[in-house]
Structure formats: C-alpha cells, structure tokens
Amino acid sequence: MASSEAMTNADDGVLPEADRAFTSLGGFYDACQFLVLANCADNQTLRRLQEMPESAMRNKSIASTLRDVEMSKAPLISIVDDDPLAGDGIRELVEALGYNAVTFTSAEHFLQSDLIAETTCLITDLQMPGLNGLELQETLRSSGYQTPIILITAHPNEKLRTRALEAGAVGFLSKPFDEGSLIECLTVATKLRSSRAWRRTA
C-alpha cells in the first residue's frame, strides 16, 4: 500500500520518485511500475507518459505497463451471465470501450465476491438458474447497495422491463443489443456512480 505521503503527493500532482525516473529513458519503465504499484497516477502524469517518444513505446513491456496504468483508473463493470460465451462476448465489448470488466456465471457467484462495492455498473442477464437478474437487483438493494444495473434478456417482457426500471435499473436491453445502446447505458451508470457516494448503507 502506498504511504500517506505518496498519496498526498499524488493528489498534488507531484510524484518525486516517478519524476526522477522520467529523467532518463532507462527509468521510464521504473516510473510506470511505481505508478501502477502506488495506484496513484494522476491525469497530468498519465499525459506525460503518453507523450513519451514513440521509440520508447516500441518496447512491449513499457507499452503494456502504460496500459496497466490507464486501466487501473478505468471503472469496473461486472457482468453476470450463466452462458460463459455470452458473458465473454460482453466483457470483450466492454473492455474495448475502455472499461475494466469481470465476468461471473451466476448471481450467487457475484454476491460471494469482494467486488460488489468496487463495481461501477452491473450488467446481468435476466433469466438465469438460481437467482435471476431481477432477484439479484432486489438482493443488492435490500443489502444497501445502489449499484447501477443494466438487465439484458433474449425474451423481453414489458412487465419485467417496467419492474426493473422502477427498481432503479439504468437499462433494460434485448439480446442482441447494439453497441450504441450499451454505451448510452454505461455512460448513465458511470455518471450516477461518480455523482453519489455509492457505499453500502446497511
């Protein structure tokens, strides 16, 4: 864990250890590693990394580390779908949009994870064995979580759609859904997540 001094410096946009490493191309990788481990790269520092000479970015290890720095700041999208192929397909689309993503094959699996509070938005299938999507939504609400939720289904039903939206879902998408609809829902979810204190209240 980064020290309080390191975190304070990050908030001020000043990272002495990383800044010294920037003075030479050989120290570029060390600077990236410092930022990843400290998890405290600010936007100014990320821009500085991105402006490094193209020759430096040809180093695959450096380029990979920079991607790690950028992704460490990306919102986490959790995906619940009992069909692994469908879940992986959604994950790949979400990651292509610049988010971090993780998949679960059941509502119970997600509820047992330690990622609920970290999840910026939950994308869940409606029809699943065990808890279905609506029951998962209700379980999270009753436990004090206000995680923005997008429900997806291959069998749209207006009654279920109304129930989901009235319970606070930010989207109810029919499979197959288009990328634009998902982007719109994720944009709403991330804005909600950043505008409120999304914490467990119970």
N, C-alpha and C. Protein backbone atom coordinates (compact mmCIF):
# COMPACT_ATOMS: atom_id res chain seq x y z
N MET A 1 0.85 -1.20 0.00
CA MET A 1 0.00 0.00 0.00
C MET A 1 0.88 1.24 0.00
N ALA A 2 0.47 2.24 -0.80
CA ALA A 2 1.25 3.47 -0.87
C ALA A 2 1.17 4.20 0.45
N SER A 3 2.26 4.85 0.86
CA SER A 3 2.27 5.61 2.09
C SER A 3 1.38 6.82 1.95
N SER A 4 0.99 7.42 3.12
CA SER A 4 0.15 8.60 3.09
C SER A 4 0.87 9.74 2.40
N GLU A 5 2.21 9.80 2.55
CA GLU A 5 2.97 10.85 1.89
C GLU A 5 2.88 10.70 0.38
N ALA A 6 2.99 9.44 -0.11
CA ALA A 6 2.93 9.21 -1.56
C ALA A 6 1.56 9.59 -2.09
N MET A 7 0.51 9.25 -1.33
CA MET A 7 -0.84 9.55 -1.79
C MET A 7 -1.08 11.05 -1.79
N THR A 8 -0.54 11.75 -0.79
CA THR A 8 -0.70 13.20 -0.75
C THR A 8 -0.01 13.84 -1.94
N ASN A 9 1.19 13.34 -2.25
CA ASN A 9 1.89 13.87 -3.41
C ASN A 9 1.12 13.62 -4.68
N ALA A 10 0.46 12.44 -4.77
CA ALA A 10 -0.31 12.12 -5.96
C ALA A 10 -1.45 13.10 -6.12
N ASP A 11 -2.10 13.43 -5.01
CA ASP A 11 -3.22 14.37 -5.07
C ASP A 11 -2.76 15.74 -5.53
N ASP A 12 -1.50 16.10 -5.20
CA ASP A 12 -0.98 17.40 -5.60
C ASP A 12 -0.40 17.37 -7.00
N GLY A 13 -0.43 16.18 -7.65
CA GLY A 13 0.16 16.06 -8.97
C GLY A 13 1.67 16.00 -8.92
N VAL A 14 2.26 15.68 -7.75
CA VAL A 14 3.71 15.64 -7.60
C VAL A 14 4.11 14.26 -7.13
N LEU A 15 4.89 13.54 -7.94
CA LEU A 15 5.35 12.21 -7.58
C LEU A 15 6.87 12.19 -7.73
N PRO A 16 7.59 12.54 -6.66
CA PRO A 16 9.05 12.70 -6.76
C PRO A 16 9.75 11.47 -7.31
N GLU A 17 9.40 10.26 -6.82
CA GLU A 17 10.11 9.08 -7.26
C GLU A 17 9.93 8.87 -8.76
N ALA A 18 8.68 9.01 -9.24
CA ALA A 18 8.41 8.82 -10.66
C ALA A 18 9.06 9.93 -11.47
N ASP A 19 9.04 11.16 -10.94
CA ASP A 19 9.59 12.29 -11.68
C ASP A 19 11.08 12.10 -11.92
N ARG A 20 11.80 11.61 -10.92
CA ARG A 20 13.24 11.37 -11.08
C ARG A 20 13.48 10.31 -12.15
N ALA A 21 12.59 9.30 -12.17
CA ALA A 21 12.76 8.21 -13.13
C ALA A 21 12.56 8.69 -14.55
N PHE A 22 11.75 9.74 -14.71
CA PHE A 22 11.49 10.28 -16.04
C PHE A 22 12.72 10.91 -16.69
N THR A 23 13.75 11.22 -15.88
CA THR A 23 14.89 11.97 -16.41
C THR A 23 15.69 11.17 -17.41
N SER A 24 15.48 9.87 -17.46
CA SER A 24 16.19 9.07 -18.45
C SER A 24 15.23 8.06 -19.04
N LEU A 25 15.45 7.73 -20.31
CA LEU A 25 14.60 6.74 -20.96
C LEU A 25 14.69 5.41 -20.25
N GLY A 26 15.87 5.10 -19.69
CA GLY A 26 16.03 3.85 -18.99
C GLY A 26 15.17 3.77 -17.74
N GLY A 27 14.81 4.94 -17.20
CA GLY A 27 13.98 4.95 -15.99
C GLY A 27 12.50 4.97 -16.27
N PHE A 28 12.13 4.99 -17.54
CA PHE A 28 10.70 5.08 -17.90
C PHE A 28 9.90 3.91 -17.35
N TYR A 29 10.44 2.71 -17.52
CA TYR A 29 9.74 1.52 -17.03
C TYR A 29 9.57 1.57 -15.53
N ASP A 30 10.62 1.99 -14.80
CA ASP A 30 10.54 2.11 -13.35
C ASP A 30 9.47 3.10 -12.94
N ALA A 31 9.34 4.18 -13.68
CA ALA A 31 8.33 5.19 -13.37
C ALA A 31 6.94 4.60 -13.52
N CYS A 32 6.73 3.86 -14.60
CA CYS A 32 5.43 3.22 -14.82
C CYS A 32 5.11 2.25 -13.70
N GLN A 33 6.13 1.42 -13.36
CA GLN A 33 5.93 0.44 -12.31
C GLN A 33 5.57 1.11 -10.99
N PHE A 34 6.24 2.21 -10.69
CA PHE A 34 5.94 2.94 -9.46
C PHE A 34 4.48 3.38 -9.44
N LEU A 35 4.01 3.91 -10.55
CA LEU A 35 2.63 4.41 -10.62
C LEU A 35 1.63 3.28 -10.47
N VAL A 36 1.90 2.15 -11.10
CA VAL A 36 0.98 1.01 -11.01
C VAL A 36 0.91 0.50 -9.59
N LEU A 37 2.09 0.31 -8.96
CA LEU A 37 2.12 -0.24 -7.61
C LEU A 37 1.52 0.73 -6.60
N ALA A 38 1.78 2.01 -6.78
CA ALA A 38 1.24 3.02 -5.86
C ALA A 38 -0.22 3.30 -6.15
N ASN A 39 -0.69 2.93 -7.36
CA ASN A 39 -2.06 3.16 -7.78
C ASN A 39 -2.45 4.62 -7.60
N CYS A 40 -1.56 5.51 -8.01
CA CYS A 40 -1.80 6.92 -7.74
C CYS A 40 -1.40 7.79 -8.92
N ALA A 41 -1.54 7.27 -10.13
CA ALA A 41 -1.22 8.08 -11.31
C ALA A 41 -2.32 9.09 -11.55
N ASP A 42 -1.95 10.37 -11.56
CA ASP A 42 -2.96 11.39 -11.84
C ASP A 42 -3.00 11.64 -13.34
N ASN A 43 -3.99 12.43 -13.79
CA ASN A 43 -4.17 12.66 -15.21
C ASN A 43 -2.97 13.35 -15.85
N GLN A 44 -2.36 14.29 -15.12
CA GLN A 44 -1.21 15.01 -15.66
C GLN A 44 -0.05 14.05 -15.92
N THR A 45 0.16 13.14 -14.97
CA THR A 45 1.26 12.19 -15.12
C THR A 45 0.98 11.22 -16.26
N LEU A 46 -0.29 10.79 -16.39
CA LEU A 46 -0.64 9.89 -17.48
C LEU A 46 -0.38 10.54 -18.83
N ARG A 47 -0.72 11.84 -18.93
CA ARG A 47 -0.47 12.54 -20.19
C ARG A 47 1.03 12.57 -20.49
N ARG A 48 1.82 12.75 -19.43
CA ARG A 48 3.27 12.79 -19.61
C ARG A 48 3.79 11.45 -20.11
N LEU A 49 3.22 10.39 -19.58
CA LEU A 49 3.60 9.06 -20.04
C LEU A 49 3.25 8.87 -21.51
N GLN A 50 2.04 9.34 -21.88
CA GLN A 50 1.57 9.15 -23.25
C GLN A 50 2.37 9.98 -24.25
N GLU A 51 3.04 11.02 -23.78
CA GLU A 51 3.81 11.88 -24.67
C GLU A 51 5.26 11.44 -24.82
N MET A 52 5.61 10.30 -24.20
CA MET A 52 6.98 9.81 -24.33
C MET A 52 7.30 9.52 -25.79
N PRO A 53 8.56 9.55 -26.18
CA PRO A 53 8.94 9.30 -27.57
C PRO A 53 8.40 7.98 -28.08
N GLU A 54 8.03 7.97 -29.36
CA GLU A 54 7.47 6.76 -29.97
C GLU A 54 8.44 5.59 -29.86
N SER A 55 9.74 5.89 -29.91
CA SER A 55 10.73 4.83 -29.82
C SER A 55 10.64 4.09 -28.50
N ALA A 56 10.29 4.83 -27.45
CA ALA A 56 10.16 4.19 -26.14
C ALA A 56 8.96 3.25 -26.13
N MET A 57 7.88 3.66 -26.80
CA MET A 57 6.66 2.86 -26.76
C MET A 57 6.78 1.59 -27.60
N ARG A 58 7.86 1.47 -28.39
CA ARG A 58 8.05 0.25 -29.15
C ARG A 58 8.45 -0.89 -28.23
N ASN A 59 8.89 -0.56 -27.03
CA ASN A 59 9.23 -1.57 -26.05
C ASN A 59 7.92 -2.15 -25.51
N LYS A 60 7.65 -3.42 -25.78
CA LYS A 60 6.36 -4.01 -25.44
C LYS A 60 6.10 -3.99 -23.95
N SER A 61 7.15 -4.18 -23.14
CA SER A 61 6.97 -4.17 -21.69
C SER A 61 6.52 -2.80 -21.22
N ILE A 62 7.11 -1.75 -21.78
CA ILE A 62 6.75 -0.39 -21.41
C ILE A 62 5.32 -0.09 -21.82
N ALA A 63 4.98 -0.44 -23.07
CA ALA A 63 3.63 -0.18 -23.57
C ALA A 63 2.60 -0.92 -22.74
N SER A 64 2.90 -2.16 -22.36
CA SER A 64 1.98 -2.95 -21.55
C SER A 64 1.79 -2.33 -20.18
N THR A 65 2.88 -1.83 -19.59
CA THR A 65 2.78 -1.21 -18.27
C THR A 65 1.95 0.06 -18.33
N LEU A 66 2.10 0.83 -19.40
CA LEU A 66 1.31 2.05 -19.56
C LEU A 66 -0.17 1.70 -19.66
N ARG A 67 -0.50 0.64 -20.37
CA ARG A 67 -1.90 0.22 -20.45
C ARG A 67 -2.41 -0.16 -19.08
N ASP A 68 -1.54 -0.82 -18.27
CA ASP A 68 -1.95 -1.17 -16.91
C ASP A 68 -2.25 0.07 -16.08
N VAL A 69 -1.43 1.11 -16.24
CA VAL A 69 -1.65 2.36 -15.51
C VAL A 69 -3.00 2.95 -15.88
N GLU A 70 -3.29 3.00 -17.20
CA GLU A 70 -4.53 3.59 -17.65
C GLU A 70 -5.73 2.79 -17.19
N MET A 71 -5.65 1.44 -17.29
CA MET A 71 -6.77 0.59 -16.93
C MET A 71 -7.02 0.59 -15.43
N SER A 72 -5.96 0.87 -14.62
CA SER A 72 -6.14 0.89 -13.18
C SER A 72 -7.09 2.01 -12.76
N LYS A 73 -7.26 3.02 -13.64
CA LYS A 73 -8.14 4.13 -13.34
C LYS A 73 -9.52 3.95 -13.97
N ALA A 74 -9.70 2.93 -14.80
CA ALA A 74 -10.96 2.73 -15.51
C ALA A 74 -12.02 2.15 -14.58
N PRO A 75 -13.30 2.52 -14.78
CA PRO A 75 -14.39 1.96 -13.98
C PRO A 75 -14.49 0.44 -14.17
N LEU A 76 -14.91 -0.25 -13.10
CA LEU A 76 -15.08 -1.70 -13.16
C LEU A 76 -16.53 -2.04 -13.49
N ILE A 77 -16.71 -2.83 -14.52
CA ILE A 77 -18.04 -3.31 -14.93
C ILE A 77 -18.10 -4.81 -14.63
N SER A 78 -19.04 -5.23 -13.80
CA SER A 78 -19.22 -6.65 -13.51
C SER A 78 -20.34 -7.19 -14.39
N ILE A 79 -20.12 -8.39 -14.94
CA ILE A 79 -21.06 -9.00 -15.88
C ILE A 79 -21.48 -10.35 -15.33
N VAL A 80 -22.79 -10.56 -15.21
CA VAL A 80 -23.31 -11.83 -14.72
C VAL A 80 -24.15 -12.47 -15.82
N ASP A 81 -23.72 -13.64 -16.28
CA ASP A 81 -24.46 -14.37 -17.32
C ASP A 81 -24.12 -15.84 -17.19
N ASP A 82 -25.14 -16.68 -17.14
CA ASP A 82 -24.88 -18.11 -16.97
C ASP A 82 -24.32 -18.76 -18.22
N ASP A 83 -24.34 -18.04 -19.34
CA ASP A 83 -23.73 -18.52 -20.58
C ASP A 83 -22.32 -17.91 -20.69
N PRO A 84 -21.28 -18.71 -20.45
CA PRO A 84 -19.91 -18.18 -20.46
C PRO A 84 -19.54 -17.48 -21.76
N LEU A 85 -20.00 -18.01 -22.89
CA LEU A 85 -19.68 -17.39 -24.17
C LEU A 85 -20.31 -16.01 -24.29
N ALA A 86 -21.55 -15.90 -23.85
CA ALA A 86 -22.23 -14.60 -23.89
C ALA A 86 -21.54 -13.62 -22.95
N GLY A 87 -21.18 -14.10 -21.77
CA GLY A 87 -20.51 -13.25 -20.80
C GLY A 87 -19.17 -12.74 -21.32
N ASP A 88 -18.41 -13.64 -21.97
CA ASP A 88 -17.11 -13.24 -22.51
C ASP A 88 -17.28 -12.25 -23.66
N GLY A 89 -18.33 -12.44 -24.46
CA GLY A 89 -18.59 -11.51 -25.55
C GLY A 89 -18.87 -10.11 -25.06
N ILE A 90 -19.69 -10.02 -24.01
CA ILE A 90 -19.99 -8.71 -23.42
C ILE A 90 -18.75 -8.11 -22.79
N ARG A 91 -17.96 -8.95 -22.12
CA ARG A 91 -16.72 -8.46 -21.48
C ARG A 91 -15.79 -7.85 -22.52
N GLU A 92 -15.61 -8.54 -23.64
CA GLU A 92 -14.72 -8.03 -24.69
C GLU A 92 -15.22 -6.69 -25.23
N LEU A 93 -16.53 -6.56 -25.39
CA LEU A 93 -17.09 -5.29 -25.87
C LEU A 93 -16.87 -4.19 -24.85
N VAL A 94 -17.12 -4.49 -23.58
CA VAL A 94 -16.95 -3.50 -22.51
C VAL A 94 -15.49 -3.06 -22.41
N GLU A 95 -14.57 -4.02 -22.50
CA GLU A 95 -13.15 -3.68 -22.43
C GLU A 95 -12.72 -2.85 -23.64
N ALA A 96 -13.31 -3.15 -24.80
CA ALA A 96 -12.99 -2.37 -26.00
C ALA A 96 -13.44 -0.92 -25.86
N LEU A 97 -14.42 -0.68 -24.99
CA LEU A 97 -14.91 0.67 -24.74
C LEU A 97 -14.07 1.40 -23.70
N GLY A 98 -13.06 0.71 -23.14
CA GLY A 98 -12.14 1.35 -22.21
C GLY A 98 -12.40 1.09 -20.75
N TYR A 99 -13.32 0.18 -20.44
CA TYR A 99 -13.61 -0.14 -19.05
C TYR A 99 -12.84 -1.39 -18.61
N ASN A 100 -12.68 -1.56 -17.31
CA ASN A 100 -12.27 -2.84 -16.76
C ASN A 100 -13.52 -3.71 -16.66
N ALA A 101 -13.39 -5.01 -16.82
CA ALA A 101 -14.56 -5.88 -16.78
C ALA A 101 -14.21 -7.23 -16.17
N VAL A 102 -15.18 -7.81 -15.47
CA VAL A 102 -15.01 -9.13 -14.88
C VAL A 102 -16.34 -9.87 -15.04
N THR A 103 -16.27 -11.17 -15.29
CA THR A 103 -17.49 -11.95 -15.52
C THR A 103 -17.76 -12.94 -14.38
N PHE A 104 -19.04 -13.22 -14.18
CA PHE A 104 -19.50 -14.21 -13.21
C PHE A 104 -20.57 -15.06 -13.90
N THR A 105 -20.61 -16.34 -13.57
CA THR A 105 -21.57 -17.23 -14.23
C THR A 105 -22.87 -17.40 -13.45
N SER A 106 -22.99 -16.73 -12.31
CA SER A 106 -24.24 -16.78 -11.56
C SER A 106 -24.34 -15.58 -10.64
N ALA A 107 -25.57 -15.26 -10.25
CA ALA A 107 -25.78 -14.16 -9.31
C ALA A 107 -25.13 -14.48 -7.98
N GLU A 108 -25.22 -15.73 -7.58
CA GLU A 108 -24.64 -16.15 -6.30
C GLU A 108 -23.12 -15.95 -6.30
N HIS A 109 -22.50 -16.27 -7.42
CA HIS A 109 -21.04 -16.10 -7.55
C HIS A 109 -20.67 -14.63 -7.37
N PHE A 110 -21.44 -13.74 -7.99
CA PHE A 110 -21.16 -12.31 -7.85
C PHE A 110 -21.36 -11.85 -6.41
N LEU A 111 -22.44 -12.30 -5.77
CA LEU A 111 -22.74 -11.87 -4.41
C LEU A 111 -21.68 -12.36 -3.41
N GLN A 112 -21.03 -13.47 -3.74
CA GLN A 112 -20.00 -14.01 -2.86
C GLN A 112 -18.63 -13.38 -3.11
N SER A 113 -18.53 -12.57 -4.14
CA SER A 113 -17.25 -11.95 -4.47
C SER A 113 -17.01 -10.74 -3.58
N ASP A 114 -15.80 -10.20 -3.67
CA ASP A 114 -15.46 -9.00 -2.90
C ASP A 114 -15.44 -7.77 -3.81
N LEU A 115 -16.16 -7.86 -4.95
CA LEU A 115 -16.12 -6.78 -5.92
C LEU A 115 -17.41 -5.96 -5.99
N ILE A 116 -18.37 -6.26 -5.14
CA ILE A 116 -19.65 -5.55 -5.23
C ILE A 116 -19.46 -4.05 -5.04
N ALA A 117 -18.77 -3.67 -3.97
CA ALA A 117 -18.60 -2.25 -3.67
C ALA A 117 -17.74 -1.54 -4.71
N GLU A 118 -16.87 -2.29 -5.39
CA GLU A 118 -15.98 -1.68 -6.39
C GLU A 118 -16.64 -1.57 -7.76
N THR A 119 -17.77 -2.24 -7.93
CA THR A 119 -18.43 -2.29 -9.23
C THR A 119 -19.12 -0.97 -9.55
N THR A 120 -18.72 -0.37 -10.67
CA THR A 120 -19.34 0.88 -11.11
C THR A 120 -20.70 0.61 -11.73
N CYS A 121 -20.81 -0.48 -12.46
CA CYS A 121 -22.07 -0.87 -13.09
C CYS A 121 -22.12 -2.38 -13.20
N LEU A 122 -23.31 -2.93 -12.98
CA LEU A 122 -23.53 -4.37 -13.10
C LEU A 122 -24.39 -4.65 -14.32
N ILE A 123 -23.88 -5.49 -15.21
CA ILE A 123 -24.66 -5.97 -16.36
C ILE A 123 -25.05 -7.40 -16.06
N THR A 124 -26.35 -7.69 -16.00
CA THR A 124 -26.77 -9.03 -15.65
C THR A 124 -27.86 -9.55 -16.58
N ASP A 125 -27.76 -10.83 -16.88
CA ASP A 125 -28.80 -11.50 -17.66
C ASP A 125 -30.05 -11.58 -16.80
N LEU A 126 -31.20 -11.60 -17.44
CA LEU A 126 -32.46 -11.67 -16.68
C LEU A 126 -32.79 -13.10 -16.28
N GLN A 127 -32.79 -14.01 -17.26
CA GLN A 127 -33.13 -15.41 -16.99
C GLN A 127 -31.88 -16.21 -16.69
N MET A 128 -31.77 -16.67 -15.44
CA MET A 128 -30.63 -17.50 -15.03
C MET A 128 -31.08 -18.51 -14.00
N PRO A 129 -30.39 -19.67 -13.91
CA PRO A 129 -30.66 -20.62 -12.82
C PRO A 129 -30.34 -19.96 -11.49
N GLY A 130 -31.02 -20.39 -10.42
CA GLY A 130 -30.80 -19.75 -9.13
C GLY A 130 -31.45 -18.38 -9.14
N LEU A 131 -30.77 -17.38 -8.57
CA LEU A 131 -31.31 -16.03 -8.59
C LEU A 131 -31.30 -15.49 -10.02
N ASN A 132 -32.43 -14.94 -10.47
CA ASN A 132 -32.44 -14.32 -11.78
C ASN A 132 -32.00 -12.85 -11.66
N GLY A 133 -31.99 -12.15 -12.77
CA GLY A 133 -31.48 -10.78 -12.76
C GLY A 133 -32.26 -9.84 -11.85
N LEU A 134 -33.58 -9.95 -11.88
CA LEU A 134 -34.41 -9.09 -11.03
C LEU A 134 -34.20 -9.41 -9.56
N GLU A 135 -34.08 -10.68 -9.24
CA GLU A 135 -33.84 -11.08 -7.85
C GLU A 135 -32.47 -10.62 -7.38
N LEU A 136 -31.50 -10.63 -8.28
CA LEU A 136 -30.17 -10.11 -7.94
C LEU A 136 -30.27 -8.62 -7.66
N GLN A 137 -30.99 -7.90 -8.49
CA GLN A 137 -31.20 -6.46 -8.28
C GLN A 137 -31.83 -6.20 -6.92
N GLU A 138 -32.86 -6.95 -6.59
CA GLU A 138 -33.56 -6.77 -5.31
C GLU A 138 -32.67 -7.14 -4.13
N THR A 139 -31.85 -8.17 -4.29
CA THR A 139 -30.93 -8.58 -3.22
C THR A 139 -29.91 -7.49 -2.93
N LEU A 140 -29.36 -6.90 -3.98
CA LEU A 140 -28.40 -5.82 -3.80
C LEU A 140 -29.04 -4.63 -3.10
N ARG A 141 -30.24 -4.25 -3.52
CA ARG A 141 -30.93 -3.11 -2.92
C ARG A 141 -31.23 -3.38 -1.44
N SER A 142 -31.70 -4.58 -1.13
CA SER A 142 -32.04 -4.90 0.26
C SER A 142 -30.80 -4.97 1.14
N SER A 143 -29.63 -5.17 0.52
CA SER A 143 -28.37 -5.22 1.26
C SER A 143 -27.72 -3.84 1.37
N GLY A 144 -28.35 -2.83 0.79
CA GLY A 144 -27.85 -1.47 0.90
C GLY A 144 -27.00 -0.99 -0.24
N TYR A 145 -26.84 -1.80 -1.29
CA TYR A 145 -26.04 -1.39 -2.44
C TYR A 145 -26.93 -0.68 -3.47
N GLN A 146 -26.41 0.40 -4.02
CA GLN A 146 -27.14 1.14 -5.04
C GLN A 146 -26.42 1.08 -6.38
N THR A 147 -25.78 -0.03 -6.64
CA THR A 147 -25.02 -0.21 -7.87
C THR A 147 -25.92 -0.06 -9.09
N PRO A 148 -25.56 0.81 -10.04
CA PRO A 148 -26.34 0.92 -11.28
C PRO A 148 -26.37 -0.43 -12.00
N ILE A 149 -27.54 -0.81 -12.50
CA ILE A 149 -27.71 -2.13 -13.10
C ILE A 149 -28.30 -2.03 -14.51
N ILE A 150 -27.74 -2.82 -15.41
CA ILE A 150 -28.29 -2.98 -16.76
C ILE A 150 -28.73 -4.43 -16.89
N LEU A 151 -30.01 -4.64 -17.16
CA LEU A 151 -30.51 -6.00 -17.36
C LEU A 151 -30.59 -6.30 -18.84
N ILE A 152 -30.21 -7.52 -19.22
CA ILE A 152 -30.26 -7.94 -20.62
C ILE A 152 -31.07 -9.23 -20.71
N THR A 153 -31.78 -9.41 -21.80
CA THR A 153 -32.60 -10.61 -21.95
C THR A 153 -32.86 -10.93 -23.41
N ALA A 154 -32.98 -12.22 -23.69
CA ALA A 154 -33.34 -12.66 -25.03
C ALA A 154 -34.86 -12.78 -25.16
N HIS A 155 -35.56 -12.60 -24.06
CA HIS A 155 -37.02 -12.71 -24.05
C HIS A 155 -37.62 -11.48 -23.38
N PRO A 156 -37.62 -10.35 -24.08
CA PRO A 156 -38.13 -9.10 -23.49
C PRO A 156 -39.60 -9.20 -23.10
N ASN A 157 -39.89 -8.58 -21.98
CA ASN A 157 -41.25 -8.60 -21.44
C ASN A 157 -41.51 -7.22 -20.84
N GLU A 158 -42.56 -6.54 -21.28
CA GLU A 158 -42.80 -5.18 -20.85
C GLU A 158 -43.05 -5.08 -19.35
N LYS A 159 -43.72 -6.08 -18.79
CA LYS A 159 -43.99 -6.07 -17.36
C LYS A 159 -42.68 -6.15 -16.56
N LEU A 160 -41.77 -7.04 -17.00
CA LEU A 160 -40.50 -7.18 -16.30
C LEU A 160 -39.63 -5.94 -16.52
N ARG A 161 -39.71 -5.37 -17.72
CA ARG A 161 -38.95 -4.15 -18.02
C ARG A 161 -39.37 -3.02 -17.08
N THR A 162 -40.67 -2.86 -16.92
CA THR A 162 -41.19 -1.81 -16.04
C THR A 162 -40.75 -2.05 -14.60
N ARG A 163 -40.81 -3.29 -14.18
CA ARG A 163 -40.41 -3.64 -12.81
C ARG A 163 -38.94 -3.31 -12.58
N ALA A 164 -38.09 -3.64 -13.57
CA ALA A 164 -36.66 -3.39 -13.43
C ALA A 164 -36.36 -1.90 -13.37
N LEU A 165 -36.96 -1.13 -14.28
CA LEU A 165 -36.69 0.30 -14.34
C LEU A 165 -37.23 1.02 -13.10
N GLU A 166 -38.40 0.60 -12.62
CA GLU A 166 -38.96 1.22 -11.42
C GLU A 166 -38.11 0.93 -10.20
N ALA A 167 -37.37 -0.19 -10.24
CA ALA A 167 -36.49 -0.55 -9.12
C ALA A 167 -35.13 0.12 -9.24
N GLY A 168 -34.93 0.92 -10.31
CA GLY A 168 -33.70 1.69 -10.42
C GLY A 168 -32.71 1.27 -11.49
N ALA A 169 -33.07 0.29 -12.32
CA ALA A 169 -32.16 -0.13 -13.39
C ALA A 169 -31.93 1.02 -14.36
N VAL A 170 -30.71 1.15 -14.87
CA VAL A 170 -30.40 2.22 -15.82
C VAL A 170 -30.64 1.76 -17.26
N GLY A 171 -30.90 0.46 -17.45
CA GLY A 171 -31.15 -0.02 -18.79
C GLY A 171 -31.79 -1.40 -18.78
N PHE A 172 -32.57 -1.68 -19.81
CA PHE A 172 -33.19 -3.00 -19.99
C PHE A 172 -33.05 -3.30 -21.49
N LEU A 173 -32.04 -4.10 -21.84
CA LEU A 173 -31.69 -4.31 -23.24
C LEU A 173 -32.09 -5.71 -23.71
N SER A 174 -32.58 -5.75 -24.94
CA SER A 174 -32.96 -7.03 -25.56
C SER A 174 -31.79 -7.58 -26.36
N LYS A 175 -31.50 -8.86 -26.20
CA LYS A 175 -30.45 -9.52 -26.98
C LYS A 175 -30.97 -9.80 -28.39
N PRO A 176 -30.16 -9.61 -29.42
CA PRO A 176 -28.84 -8.97 -29.36
C PRO A 176 -29.00 -7.45 -29.32
N PHE A 177 -28.23 -6.79 -28.47
CA PHE A 177 -28.33 -5.34 -28.36
C PHE A 177 -27.18 -4.71 -29.12
N ASP A 178 -27.38 -3.47 -29.55
CA ASP A 178 -26.34 -2.81 -30.31
C ASP A 178 -25.39 -2.07 -29.37
N GLU A 179 -24.19 -1.82 -29.88
CA GLU A 179 -23.14 -1.19 -29.08
C GLU A 179 -23.58 0.18 -28.58
N GLY A 180 -24.30 0.93 -29.41
CA GLY A 180 -24.73 2.27 -29.04
C GLY A 180 -25.61 2.27 -27.80
N SER A 181 -26.53 1.30 -27.71
CA SER A 181 -27.42 1.22 -26.55
C SER A 181 -26.63 0.93 -25.28
N LEU A 182 -25.64 0.04 -25.40
CA LEU A 182 -24.82 -0.29 -24.23
C LEU A 182 -23.99 0.92 -23.81
N ILE A 183 -23.41 1.62 -24.78
CA ILE A 183 -22.62 2.81 -24.46
C ILE A 183 -23.47 3.83 -23.72
N GLU A 184 -24.69 4.03 -24.20
CA GLU A 184 -25.59 5.00 -23.56
C GLU A 184 -25.87 4.63 -22.11
N CYS A 185 -26.16 3.35 -21.88
CA CYS A 185 -26.46 2.88 -20.52
C CYS A 185 -25.23 2.99 -19.62
N LEU A 186 -24.06 2.63 -20.12
CA LEU A 186 -22.84 2.70 -19.32
C LEU A 186 -22.49 4.14 -18.99
N THR A 187 -22.76 5.05 -19.92
CA THR A 187 -22.50 6.47 -19.67
C THR A 187 -23.37 6.97 -18.53
N VAL A 188 -24.64 6.60 -18.54
CA VAL A 188 -25.55 6.98 -17.46
C VAL A 188 -25.07 6.39 -16.15
N ALA A 189 -24.68 5.11 -16.17
CA ALA A 189 -24.25 4.43 -14.95
C ALA A 189 -23.01 5.08 -14.34
N THR A 190 -22.02 5.39 -15.17
CA THR A 190 -20.78 5.98 -14.65
C THR A 190 -21.03 7.38 -14.09
N LYS A 191 -21.94 8.12 -14.71
CA LYS A 191 -22.27 9.45 -14.19
C LYS A 191 -22.97 9.33 -12.84
N LEU A 192 -23.85 8.36 -12.71
CA LEU A 192 -24.51 8.14 -11.43
C LEU A 192 -23.49 7.75 -10.37
N ARG A 193 -22.59 6.87 -10.75
CA ARG A 193 -21.59 6.36 -9.80
C ARG A 193 -20.68 7.48 -9.29
N SER A 194 -20.37 8.42 -10.17
CA SER A 194 -19.45 9.49 -9.78
C SER A 194 -20.16 10.65 -9.07
N SER A 195 -21.48 10.72 -9.19
CA SER A 195 -22.20 11.86 -8.61
C SER A 195 -22.74 11.57 -7.20
N ARG A 196 -22.63 10.32 -6.78
CA ARG A 196 -23.15 9.97 -5.45
C ARG A 196 -22.10 9.19 -4.67
N ALA A 197 -22.34 9.07 -3.37
CA ALA A 197 -21.46 8.27 -2.52
C ALA A 197 -22.02 6.85 -2.55
N TRP A 198 -21.55 6.05 -3.52
CA TRP A 198 -22.08 4.70 -3.68
C TRP A 198 -21.41 3.78 -2.65
N ARG A 199 -22.01 3.74 -1.49
CA ARG A 199 -21.46 2.91 -0.43
C ARG A 199 -22.56 2.04 0.15
N ARG A 200 -22.14 1.00 0.78
CA ARG A 200 -23.10 0.13 1.44
C ARG A 200 -23.66 0.85 2.65
N THR A 201 -24.99 0.89 2.76
CA THR A 201 -25.63 1.64 3.85
C THR A 201 -26.14 0.72 4.95
N ALA A 202 -26.00 -0.56 4.76
CA ALA A 202 -26.52 -1.49 5.77
C ALA A 202 -25.40 -2.38 6.28
